[in-house]
Amino acid sequence: MPAPWREARQLAAVVVRGSSMEPEFWDGDLIFYEPPNGMVDPEALVGHTVVVRTEDGRTFVKRLLRGSKPGLWTLESHAAPPMKDVRLVWVAPIRYIKRAGP
């Protein structure tokens, strides 16, 4: 993805902590996303890796899948068990990745 220098003021970022999404993302990577103004339709992002805020206030970078009922979602990792039937406050597509490293 190209660097978002022109968009940088409109983007937010999360720092990856841990290894649950390796090898897609590594500990220390910066994941930039456009902060949602209201709820983006999660259905449009099913199957994609996104940034989410859960109802309990945690933020994750995970692959979004449907849950067991409408309004519930599964958050899938590469190297950890899925988080099933999670309620989301918002979901945002990833706009840019700045890799950790030297």
PDB file of N, CA and C in Angstrom:
ATOM      1  N   MET A   1       0.843  -1.181   0.000  1.00  0.00           N
ATOM      2  CA  MET A   1       0.000   0.000   0.000  1.00  0.00           C
ATOM      3  C   MET A   1       0.885   1.240   0.000  1.00  0.00           C
ATOM      4  N   PRO A   2       0.506   2.256  -0.750  1.00  0.00           N
ATOM      5  CA  PRO A   2       1.317   3.478  -0.734  1.00  0.00           C
ATOM      6  C   PRO A   2       1.180   4.205   0.602  1.00  0.00           C
ATOM      7  N   ALA A   3       2.219   4.922   0.966  1.00  0.00           N
ATOM      8  CA  ALA A   3       2.193   5.681   2.214  1.00  0.00           C
ATOM      9  C   ALA A   3       1.108   6.753   2.156  1.00  0.00           C
ATOM     10  N   PRO A   4       0.364   6.942   3.240  1.00  0.00           N
ATOM     11  CA  PRO A   4      -0.788   7.854   3.229  1.00  0.00           C
ATOM     12  C   PRO A   4      -0.446   9.273   3.648  1.00  0.00           C
ATOM     13  N   TRP A   5       0.648   9.819   3.159  1.00  0.00           N
ATOM     14  CA  TRP A   5       1.063  11.128   3.664  1.00  0.00           C
ATOM     15  C   TRP A   5       0.002  12.188   3.488  1.00  0.00           C
ATOM     16  N   ARG A   6      -0.689  12.196   2.358  1.00  0.00           N
ATOM     17  CA  ARG A   6      -1.739  13.202   2.156  1.00  0.00           C
ATOM     18  C   ARG A   6      -2.932  12.950   3.065  1.00  0.00           C
ATOM     19  N   GLU A   7      -3.172  11.681   3.386  1.00  0.00           N
ATOM     20  CA  GLU A   7      -4.321  11.314   4.209  1.00  0.00           C
ATOM     21  C   GLU A   7      -3.995  11.238   5.685  1.00  0.00           C
ATOM     22  N   ALA A   8      -2.749  11.387   6.063  1.00  0.00           N
ATOM     23  CA  ALA A   8      -2.301  11.064   7.421  1.00  0.00           C
ATOM     24  C   ALA A   8      -3.134  11.727   8.510  1.00  0.00           C
ATOM     25  N   ARG A   9      -3.607  12.922   8.270  1.00  0.00           N
ATOM     26  CA  ARG A   9      -4.373  13.612   9.311  1.00  0.00           C
ATOM     27  C   ARG A   9      -5.733  12.979   9.552  1.00  0.00           C
ATOM     28  N   GLN A  10      -6.238  12.232   8.570  1.00  0.00           N
ATOM     29  CA  GLN A  10      -7.544  11.598   8.730  1.00  0.00           C
ATOM     30  C   GLN A  10      -7.434  10.172   9.254  1.00  0.00           C
ATOM     31  N   LEU A  11      -6.228   9.633   9.390  1.00  0.00           N
ATOM     32  CA  LEU A  11      -6.052   8.244   9.790  1.00  0.00           C
ATOM     33  C   LEU A  11      -5.709   8.113  11.266  1.00  0.00           C
ATOM     34  N   ALA A  12      -6.069   6.983  11.822  1.00  0.00           N
ATOM     35  CA  ALA A  12      -5.660   6.590  13.174  1.00  0.00           C
ATOM     36  C   ALA A  12      -4.816   5.332  13.004  1.00  0.00           C
ATOM     37  N   ALA A  13      -4.129   4.932  14.053  1.00  0.00           N
ATOM     38  CA  ALA A  13      -3.288   3.745  13.957  1.00  0.00           C
ATOM     39  C   ALA A  13      -3.350   2.933  15.241  1.00  0.00           C
ATOM     40  N   VAL A  14      -3.147   1.636  15.092  1.00  0.00           N
ATOM     41  CA  VAL A  14      -2.969   0.738  16.226  1.00  0.00           C
ATOM     42  C   VAL A  14      -1.623   0.043  16.040  1.00  0.00           C
ATOM     43  N   VAL A  15      -1.002  -0.296  17.153  1.00  0.00           N
ATOM     44  CA  VAL A  15       0.262  -1.025  17.123  1.00  0.00           C
ATOM     45  C   VAL A  15      -0.048  -2.492  17.392  1.00  0.00           C
ATOM     46  N   VAL A  16       0.453  -3.360  16.541  1.00  0.00           N
ATOM     47  CA  VAL A  16       0.247  -4.791  16.741  1.00  0.00           C
ATOM     48  C   VAL A  16       1.053  -5.236  17.957  1.00  0.00           C
ATOM     49  N   ARG A  17       0.396  -5.951  18.848  1.00  0.00           N
ATOM     50  CA  ARG A  17       1.046  -6.516  20.029  1.00  0.00           C
ATOM     51  C   ARG A  17       0.780  -8.012  20.025  1.00  0.00           C
ATOM     52  N   GLY A  18       1.840  -8.804  20.031  1.00  0.00           N
ATOM     53  CA  GLY A  18       1.679 -10.245  20.061  1.00  0.00           C
ATOM     54  C   GLY A  18       1.867 -10.872  18.698  1.00  0.00           C
ATOM     55  N   SER A  19       1.579 -12.168  18.641  1.00  0.00           N
ATOM     56  CA  SER A  19       1.877 -12.939  17.429  1.00  0.00           C
ATOM     57  C   SER A  19       0.668 -13.639  16.830  1.00  0.00           C
ATOM     58  N   SER A  20      -0.524 -13.327  17.274  1.00  0.00           N
ATOM     59  CA  SER A  20      -1.703 -14.067  16.813  1.00  0.00           C
ATOM     60  C   SER A  20      -2.003 -13.873  15.334  1.00  0.00           C
ATOM     61  N   MET A  21      -1.502 -12.810  14.717  1.00  0.00           N
ATOM     62  CA  MET A  21      -1.781 -12.565  13.295  1.00  0.00           C
ATOM     63  C   MET A  21      -0.569 -12.819  12.399  1.00  0.00           C
ATOM     64  N   GLU A  22       0.507 -13.369  12.956  1.00  0.00           N
ATOM     65  CA  GLU A  22       1.666 -13.712  12.117  1.00  0.00           C
ATOM     66  C   GLU A  22       1.282 -14.832  11.164  1.00  0.00           C
ATOM     67  N   PRO A  23       1.750 -14.816   9.936  1.00  0.00           N
ATOM     68  CA  PRO A  23       2.768 -13.944   9.360  1.00  0.00           C
ATOM     69  C   PRO A  23       2.204 -12.715   8.639  1.00  0.00           C
ATOM     70  N   GLU A  24       0.898 -12.481   8.726  1.00  0.00           N
ATOM     71  CA  GLU A  24       0.331 -11.307   8.045  1.00  0.00           C
ATOM     72  C   GLU A  24       0.810 -10.011   8.686  1.00  0.00           C
ATOM     73  N   PHE A  25       0.790  -9.967  10.020  1.00  0.00           N
ATOM     74  CA  PHE A  25       1.254  -8.806  10.774  1.00  0.00           C
ATOM     75  C   PHE A  25       2.174  -9.281  11.874  1.00  0.00           C
ATOM     76  N   TRP A  26       3.161  -8.453  12.204  1.00  0.00           N
ATOM     77  CA  TRP A  26       4.162  -8.789  13.199  1.00  0.00           C
ATOM     78  C   TRP A  26       4.090  -7.817  14.357  1.00  0.00           C
ATOM     79  N   ASP A  27       4.536  -8.260  15.514  1.00  0.00           N
ATOM     80  CA  ASP A  27       4.587  -7.427  16.700  1.00  0.00           C
ATOM     81  C   ASP A  27       5.307  -6.113  16.364  1.00  0.00           C
ATOM     82  N   GLY A  28       4.684  -4.999  16.662  1.00  0.00           N
ATOM     83  CA  GLY A  28       5.269  -3.687  16.397  1.00  0.00           C
ATOM     84  C   GLY A  28       4.827  -3.031  15.103  1.00  0.00           C
ATOM     85  N   ASP A  29       4.187  -3.774  14.188  1.00  0.00           N
ATOM     86  CA  ASP A  29       3.659  -3.147  12.969  1.00  0.00           C
ATOM     87  C   ASP A  29       2.630  -2.081  13.357  1.00  0.00           C
ATOM     88  N   LEU A  30       2.587  -1.004  12.592  1.00  0.00           N
ATOM     89  CA  LEU A  30       1.551   0.023  12.746  1.00  0.00           C
ATOM     90  C   LEU A  30       0.494  -0.204  11.683  1.00  0.00           C
ATOM     91  N   ILE A  31      -0.747  -0.318  12.102  1.00  0.00           N
ATOM     92  CA  ILE A  31      -1.860  -0.526  11.185  1.00  0.00           C
ATOM     93  C   ILE A  31      -2.689   0.756  11.173  1.00  0.00           C
ATOM     94  N   PHE A  32      -2.721   1.417  10.027  1.00  0.00           N
ATOM     95  CA  PHE A  32      -3.479   2.661   9.887  1.00  0.00           C
ATOM     96  C   PHE A  32      -4.867   2.364   9.338  1.00  0.00           C
ATOM     97  N   TYR A  33      -5.851   3.059   9.884  1.00  0.00           N
ATOM     98  CA  TYR A  33      -7.236   2.897   9.442  1.00  0.00           C
ATOM     99  C   TYR A  33      -7.934   4.243   9.529  1.00  0.00           C
ATOM    100  N   GLU A  34      -9.009   4.367   8.813  1.00  0.00           N
ATOM    101  CA  GLU A  34      -9.809   5.592   8.856  1.00  0.00           C
ATOM    102  C   GLU A  34     -10.826   5.452   9.972  1.00  0.00           C
ATOM    103  N   PRO A  35     -10.744   6.295  10.999  1.00  0.00           N
ATOM    104  CA  PRO A  35     -11.693   6.153  12.110  1.00  0.00           C
ATOM    105  C   PRO A  35     -13.124   6.283  11.597  1.00  0.00           C
ATOM    106  N   PRO A  36     -13.965   5.339  11.961  1.00  0.00           N
ATOM    107  CA  PRO A  36     -15.334   5.379  11.440  1.00  0.00           C
ATOM    108  C   PRO A  36     -16.161   6.487  12.081  1.00  0.00           C
ATOM    109  N   ASN A  37     -17.002   7.092  11.273  1.00  0.00           N
ATOM    110  CA  ASN A  37     -18.017   8.028  11.769  1.00  0.00           C
ATOM    111  C   ASN A  37     -19.308   7.222  11.806  1.00  0.00           C
ATOM    112  N   GLY A  38     -19.557   6.557  12.923  1.00  0.00           N
ATOM    113  CA  GLY A  38     -20.674   5.632  13.000  1.00  0.00           C
ATOM    114  C   GLY A  38     -20.199   4.250  12.589  1.00  0.00           C
ATOM    115  N   MET A  39     -21.082   3.318  12.508  1.00  0.00           N
ATOM    116  CA  MET A  39     -20.747   1.930  12.216  1.00  0.00           C
ATOM    117  C   MET A  39     -20.697   1.702  10.714  1.00  0.00           C
ATOM    118  N   VAL A  40     -19.534   1.285  10.222  1.00  0.00           N
ATOM    119  CA  VAL A  40     -19.422   0.816   8.845  1.00  0.00           C
ATOM    120  C   VAL A  40     -20.129  -0.532   8.807  1.00  0.00           C
ATOM    121  N   ASP A  41     -20.844  -0.840   7.737  1.00  0.00           N
ATOM    122  CA  ASP A  41     -21.565  -2.106   7.638  1.00  0.00           C
ATOM    123  C   ASP A  41     -20.585  -3.272   7.669  1.00  0.00           C
ATOM    124  N   PRO A  42     -20.556  -4.047   8.742  1.00  0.00           N
ATOM    125  CA  PRO A  42     -19.617  -5.164   8.810  1.00  0.00           C
ATOM    126  C   PRO A  42     -19.820  -6.182   7.697  1.00  0.00           C
ATOM    127  N   GLU A  43     -21.038  -6.326   7.212  1.00  0.00           N
ATOM    128  CA  GLU A  43     -21.300  -7.294   6.127  1.00  0.00           C
ATOM    129  C   GLU A  43     -20.422  -7.017   4.914  1.00  0.00           C
ATOM    130  N   ALA A  44     -20.120  -5.744   4.673  1.00  0.00           N
ATOM    131  CA  ALA A  44     -19.306  -5.373   3.513  1.00  0.00           C
ATOM    132  C   ALA A  44     -17.852  -5.798   3.689  1.00  0.00           C
ATOM    133  N   LEU A  45     -17.453  -6.122   4.929  1.00  0.00           N
ATOM    134  CA  LEU A  45     -16.054  -6.447   5.215  1.00  0.00           C
ATOM    135  C   LEU A  45     -15.852  -7.889   5.663  1.00  0.00           C
ATOM    136  N   VAL A  46     -16.900  -8.722   5.586  1.00  0.00           N
ATOM    137  CA  VAL A  46     -16.769 -10.130   5.959  1.00  0.00           C
ATOM    138  C   VAL A  46     -15.697 -10.778   5.088  1.00  0.00           C
ATOM    139  N   GLY A  47     -14.796 -11.505   5.747  1.00  0.00           N
ATOM    140  CA  GLY A  47     -13.705 -12.167   5.040  1.00  0.00           C
ATOM    141  C   GLY A  47     -12.448 -11.338   4.926  1.00  0.00           C
ATOM    142  N   HIS A  48     -12.521 -10.069   5.317  1.00  0.00           N
ATOM    143  CA  HIS A  48     -11.366  -9.176   5.244  1.00  0.00           C
ATOM    144  C   HIS A  48     -10.723  -9.014   6.616  1.00  0.00           C
ATOM    145  N   THR A  49      -9.437  -8.699   6.619  1.00  0.00           N
ATOM    146  CA  THR A  49      -8.751  -8.344   7.851  1.00  0.00           C
ATOM    147  C   THR A  49      -9.009  -6.868   8.094  1.00  0.00           C
ATOM    148  N   VAL A  50      -9.502  -6.558   9.290  1.00  0.00           N
ATOM    149  CA  VAL A  50      -9.961  -5.214   9.622  1.00  0.00           C
ATOM    150  C   VAL A  50      -9.510  -4.830  11.034  1.00  0.00           C
ATOM    151  N   VAL A  51      -9.735  -3.584  11.373  1.00  0.00           N
ATOM    152  CA  VAL A  51      -9.576  -3.108  12.748  1.00  0.00           C
ATOM    153  C   VAL A  51     -10.974  -3.032  13.337  1.00  0.00           C
ATOM    154  N   VAL A  52     -11.159  -3.582  14.540  1.00  0.00           N
ATOM    155  CA  VAL A  52     -12.474  -3.565  15.189  1.00  0.00           C
ATOM    156  C   VAL A  52     -12.347  -3.063  16.617  1.00  0.00           C
ATOM    157  N   ARG A  53     -13.420  -2.474  17.105  1.00  0.00           N
ATOM    158  CA  ARG A  53     -13.555  -2.137  18.528  1.00  0.00           C
ATOM    159  C   ARG A  53     -14.704  -2.995  19.038  1.00  0.00           C
ATOM    160  N   THR A  54     -14.432  -3.763  20.093  1.00  0.00           N
ATOM    161  CA  THR A  54     -15.454  -4.627  20.665  1.00  0.00           C
ATOM    162  C   THR A  54     -16.285  -3.864  21.691  1.00  0.00           C
ATOM    163  N   GLU A  55     -17.420  -4.427  22.006  1.00  0.00           N
ATOM    164  CA  GLU A  55     -18.333  -3.786  22.944  1.00  0.00           C
ATOM    165  C   GLU A  55     -17.686  -3.574  24.315  1.00  0.00           C
ATOM    166  N   ASP A  56     -16.711  -4.417  24.665  1.00  0.00           N
ATOM    167  CA  ASP A  56     -16.038  -4.265  25.958  1.00  0.00           C
ATOM    168  C   ASP A  56     -14.842  -3.306  25.884  1.00  0.00           C
ATOM    169  N   GLY A  57     -14.688  -2.587  24.750  1.00  0.00           N
ATOM    170  CA  GLY A  57     -13.695  -1.525  24.641  1.00  0.00           C
ATOM    171  C   GLY A  57     -12.329  -1.925  24.120  1.00  0.00           C
ATOM    172  N   ARG A  58     -12.150  -3.176  23.711  1.00  0.00           N
ATOM    173  CA  ARG A  58     -10.853  -3.605  23.188  1.00  0.00           C
ATOM    174  C   ARG A  58     -10.795  -3.386  21.675  1.00  0.00           C
ATOM    175  N   THR A  59      -9.587  -3.163  21.176  1.00  0.00           N
ATOM    176  CA  THR A  59      -9.363  -2.970  19.740  1.00  0.00           C
ATOM    177  C   THR A  59      -8.488  -4.098  19.239  1.00  0.00           C
ATOM    178  N   PHE A  60      -8.884  -4.681  18.104  1.00  0.00           N
ATOM    179  CA  PHE A  60      -8.156  -5.797  17.521  1.00  0.00           C
ATOM    180  C   PHE A  60      -7.981  -5.605  16.029  1.00  0.00           C
ATOM    181  N   VAL A  61      -6.954  -6.258  15.490  1.00  0.00           N
ATOM    182  CA  VAL A  61      -6.791  -6.434  14.050  1.00  0.00           C
ATOM    183  C   VAL A  61      -7.018  -7.918  13.810  1.00  0.00           C
ATOM    184  N   LYS A  62      -8.125  -8.251  13.150  1.00  0.00           N
ATOM    185  CA  LYS A  62      -8.525  -9.642  12.946  1.00  0.00           C
ATOM    186  C   LYS A  62      -9.262  -9.789  11.624  1.00  0.00           C
ATOM    187  N   ARG A  63      -9.415 -11.034  11.188  1.00  0.00           N
ATOM    188  CA  ARG A  63     -10.250 -11.341  10.022  1.00  0.00           C
ATOM    189  C   ARG A  63     -11.690 -11.444  10.524  1.00  0.00           C
ATOM    190  N   LEU A  64     -12.596 -10.725   9.854  1.00  0.00           N
ATOM    191  CA  LEU A  64     -13.990 -10.636  10.276  1.00  0.00           C
ATOM    192  C   LEU A  64     -14.829 -11.722   9.609  1.00  0.00           C
ATOM    193  N   LEU A  65     -15.525 -12.492  10.423  1.00  0.00           N
ATOM    194  CA  LEU A  65     -16.449 -13.518   9.938  1.00  0.00           C
ATOM    195  C   LEU A  65     -17.779 -13.362  10.661  1.00  0.00           C
ATOM    196  N   ARG A  66     -18.844 -13.908  10.077  1.00  0.00           N
ATOM    197  CA  ARG A  66     -20.152 -13.849  10.723  1.00  0.00           C
ATOM    198  C   ARG A  66     -20.167 -14.733  11.971  1.00  0.00           C
ATOM    199  N   GLY A  67     -20.954 -14.316  12.958  1.00  0.00           N
ATOM    200  CA  GLY A  67     -21.145 -15.102  14.171  1.00  0.00           C
ATOM    201  C   GLY A  67     -22.351 -16.014  14.036  1.00  0.00           C
ATOM    202  N   SER A  68     -22.806 -16.546  15.162  1.00  0.00           N
ATOM    203  CA  SER A  68     -23.906 -17.512  15.146  1.00  0.00           C
ATOM    204  C   SER A  68     -25.277 -16.869  14.964  1.00  0.00           C
ATOM    205  N   LYS A  69     -25.377 -15.548  15.212  1.00  0.00           N
ATOM    206  CA  LYS A  69     -26.641 -14.818  15.074  1.00  0.00           C
ATOM    207  C   LYS A  69     -26.356 -13.437  14.500  1.00  0.00           C
ATOM    208  N   PRO A  70     -27.348 -12.786  13.928  1.00  0.00           N
ATOM    209  CA  PRO A  70     -27.157 -11.409  13.464  1.00  0.00           C
ATOM    210  C   PRO A  70     -26.674 -10.517  14.612  1.00  0.00           C
ATOM    211  N   GLY A  71     -25.718  -9.659  14.319  1.00  0.00           N
ATOM    212  CA  GLY A  71     -25.178  -8.749  15.322  1.00  0.00           C
ATOM    213  C   GLY A  71     -24.009  -9.326  16.103  1.00  0.00           C
ATOM    214  N   LEU A  72     -23.699 -10.594  15.878  1.00  0.00           N
ATOM    215  CA  LEU A  72     -22.553 -11.232  16.518  1.00  0.00           C
ATOM    216  C   LEU A  72     -21.533 -11.596  15.446  1.00  0.00           C
ATOM    217  N   TRP A  73     -20.255 -11.485  15.801  1.00  0.00           N
ATOM    218  CA  TRP A  73     -19.182 -11.668  14.818  1.00  0.00           C
ATOM    219  C   TRP A  73     -18.101 -12.585  15.368  1.00  0.00           C
ATOM    220  N   THR A  74     -17.423 -13.280  14.472  1.00  0.00           N
ATOM    221  CA  THR A  74     -16.258 -14.080  14.827  1.00  0.00           C
ATOM    222  C   THR A  74     -15.032 -13.323  14.359  1.00  0.00           C
ATOM    223  N   LEU A  75     -14.040 -13.208  15.237  1.00  0.00           N
ATOM    224  CA  LEU A  75     -12.776 -12.537  14.925  1.00  0.00           C
ATOM    225  C   LEU A  75     -11.713 -13.622  14.844  1.00  0.00           C
ATOM    226  N   GLU A  76     -11.174 -13.808  13.652  1.00  0.00           N
ATOM    227  CA  GLU A  76     -10.256 -14.909  13.390  1.00  0.00           C
ATOM    228  C   GLU A  76      -8.811 -14.444  13.368  1.00  0.00           C
ATOM    229  N   SER A  77      -7.955 -15.226  14.012  1.00  0.00           N
ATOM    230  CA  SER A  77      -6.515 -15.005  14.023  1.00  0.00           C
ATOM    231  C   SER A  77      -5.851 -16.092  13.191  1.00  0.00           C
ATOM    232  N   HIS A  78      -4.566 -15.901  12.877  1.00  0.00           N
ATOM    233  CA  HIS A  78      -3.805 -16.941  12.190  1.00  0.00           C
ATOM    234  C   HIS A  78      -3.249 -17.957  13.179  1.00  0.00           C
ATOM    235  N   ALA A  79      -2.886 -17.498  14.375  1.00  0.00           N
ATOM    236  CA  ALA A  79      -2.161 -18.360  15.311  1.00  0.00           C
ATOM    237  C   ALA A  79      -2.798 -18.386  16.692  1.00  0.00           C
ATOM    238  N   ALA A  80      -4.110 -18.186  16.762  1.00  0.00           N
ATOM    239  CA  ALA A  80      -4.821 -18.235  18.040  1.00  0.00           C
ATOM    240  C   ALA A  80      -6.258 -18.677  17.745  1.00  0.00           C
ATOM    241  N   PRO A  81      -6.938 -19.225  18.745  1.00  0.00           N
ATOM    242  CA  PRO A  81      -8.333 -19.620  18.525  1.00  0.00           C
ATOM    243  C   PRO A  81      -9.196 -18.417  18.166  1.00  0.00           C
ATOM    244  N   PRO A  82     -10.250 -18.624  17.372  1.00  0.00           N
ATOM    245  CA  PRO A  82     -11.131 -17.511  17.026  1.00  0.00           C
ATOM    246  C   PRO A  82     -11.899 -17.011  18.247  1.00  0.00           C
ATOM    247  N   MET A  83     -12.220 -15.740  18.215  1.00  0.00           N
ATOM    248  CA  MET A  83     -13.077 -15.130  19.225  1.00  0.00           C
ATOM    249  C   MET A  83     -14.491 -15.172  18.640  1.00  0.00           C
ATOM    250  N   LYS A  84     -15.368 -15.958  19.233  1.00  0.00           N
ATOM    251  CA  LYS A  84     -16.697 -16.191  18.651  1.00  0.00           C
ATOM    252  C   LYS A  84     -17.774 -15.349  19.315  1.00  0.00           C
ATOM    253  N   ASP A  85     -18.752 -14.969  18.491  1.00  0.00           N
ATOM    254  CA  ASP A  85     -19.946 -14.249  18.939  1.00  0.00           C
ATOM    255  C   ASP A  85     -19.612 -12.992  19.736  1.00  0.00           C
ATOM    256  N   VAL A  86     -18.821 -12.131  19.110  1.00  0.00           N
ATOM    257  CA  VAL A  86     -18.390 -10.863  19.693  1.00  0.00           C
ATOM    258  C   VAL A  86     -19.297  -9.754  19.171  1.00  0.00           C
ATOM    259  N   ARG A  87     -19.685  -8.850  20.053  1.00  0.00           N
ATOM    260  CA  ARG A  87     -20.432  -7.649  19.637  1.00  0.00           C
ATOM    261  C   ARG A  87     -19.432  -6.538  19.338  1.00  0.00           C
ATOM    262  N   LEU A  88     -19.657  -5.818  18.241  1.00  0.00           N
ATOM    263  CA  LEU A  88     -18.744  -4.768  17.808  1.00  0.00           C
ATOM    264  C   LEU A  88     -19.368  -3.392  17.955  1.00  0.00           C
ATOM    265  N   VAL A  89     -18.526  -2.429  18.310  1.00  0.00           N
ATOM    266  CA  VAL A  89     -18.929  -1.021  18.329  1.00  0.00           C
ATOM    267  C   VAL A  89     -18.695  -0.432  16.945  1.00  0.00           C
ATOM    268  N   TRP A  90     -17.532  -0.774  16.353  1.00  0.00           N
ATOM    269  CA  TRP A  90     -17.232  -0.330  14.994  1.00  0.00           C
ATOM    270  C   TRP A  90     -16.243  -1.275  14.336  1.00  0.00           C
ATOM    271  N   VAL A  91     -16.190  -1.159  13.025  1.00  0.00           N
ATOM    272  CA  VAL A  91     -15.248  -1.916  12.202  1.00  0.00           C
ATOM    273  C   VAL A  91     -14.705  -0.958  11.152  1.00  0.00           C
ATOM    274  N   ALA A  92     -13.402  -1.075  10.839  1.00  0.00           N
ATOM    275  CA  ALA A  92     -12.785  -0.165   9.871  1.00  0.00           C
ATOM    276  C   ALA A  92     -11.817  -0.939   8.981  1.00  0.00           C
ATOM    277  N   PRO A  93     -11.836  -0.659   7.678  1.00  0.00           N
ATOM    278  CA  PRO A  93     -10.857  -1.296   6.795  1.00  0.00           C
ATOM    279  C   PRO A  93      -9.461  -0.730   7.027  1.00  0.00           C
ATOM    280  N   ILE A  94      -8.470  -1.551   6.774  1.00  0.00           N
ATOM    281  CA  ILE A  94      -7.071  -1.131   6.893  1.00  0.00           C
ATOM    282  C   ILE A  94      -6.706  -0.315   5.664  1.00  0.00           C
ATOM    283  N   ARG A  95      -6.040   0.835   5.874  1.00  0.00           N
ATOM    284  CA  ARG A  95      -5.631   1.715   4.770  1.00  0.00           C
ATOM    285  C   ARG A  95      -4.144   1.643   4.451  1.00  0.00           C
ATOM    286  N   TYR A  96      -3.316   1.334   5.474  1.00  0.00           N
ATOM    287  CA  TYR A  96      -1.875   1.352   5.279  1.00  0.00           C
ATOM    288  C   TYR A  96      -1.204   0.568   6.402  1.00  0.00           C
ATOM    289  N   ILE A  97      -0.116  -0.082   6.086  1.00  0.00           N
ATOM    290  CA  ILE A  97       0.646  -0.834   7.073  1.00  0.00           C
ATOM    291  C   ILE A  97       2.081  -0.323   7.071  1.00  0.00           C
ATOM    292  N   LYS A  98       2.581   0.064   8.228  1.00  0.00           N
ATOM    293  CA  LYS A  98       3.990   0.437   8.376  1.00  0.00           C
ATOM    294  C   LYS A  98       4.650  -0.676   9.181  1.00  0.00           C
ATOM    295  N   ARG A  99       5.510  -1.387   8.507  1.00  0.00           N
ATOM    296  CA  ARG A  99       6.146  -2.541   9.126  1.00  0.00           C
ATOM    297  C   ARG A  99       7.118  -2.134  10.213  1.00  0.00           C
ATOM    298  N   ALA A 100       7.143  -2.907  11.288  1.00  0.00           N
ATOM    299  CA  ALA A 100       8.133  -2.708  12.353  1.00  0.00           C
ATOM    300  C   ALA A 100       9.485  -3.139  11.818  1.00  0.00           C
ATOM    301  N   GLY A 101      10.503  -2.637  12.387  1.00  0.00           N
ATOM    302  CA  GLY A 101      11.819  -3.070  11.967  1.00  0.00           C
ATOM    303  C   GLY A 101      12.809  -1.935  11.990  1.00  0.00           C
ATOM    304  N   PRO A 102      14.001  -2.256  11.527  1.00  0.00           N
ATOM    305  CA  PRO A 102      15.079  -1.264  11.560  1.00  0.00           C
ATOM    306  C   PRO A 102      14.831  -0.079  10.663  1.00  0.00           C
TER     307      PRO A 102
END
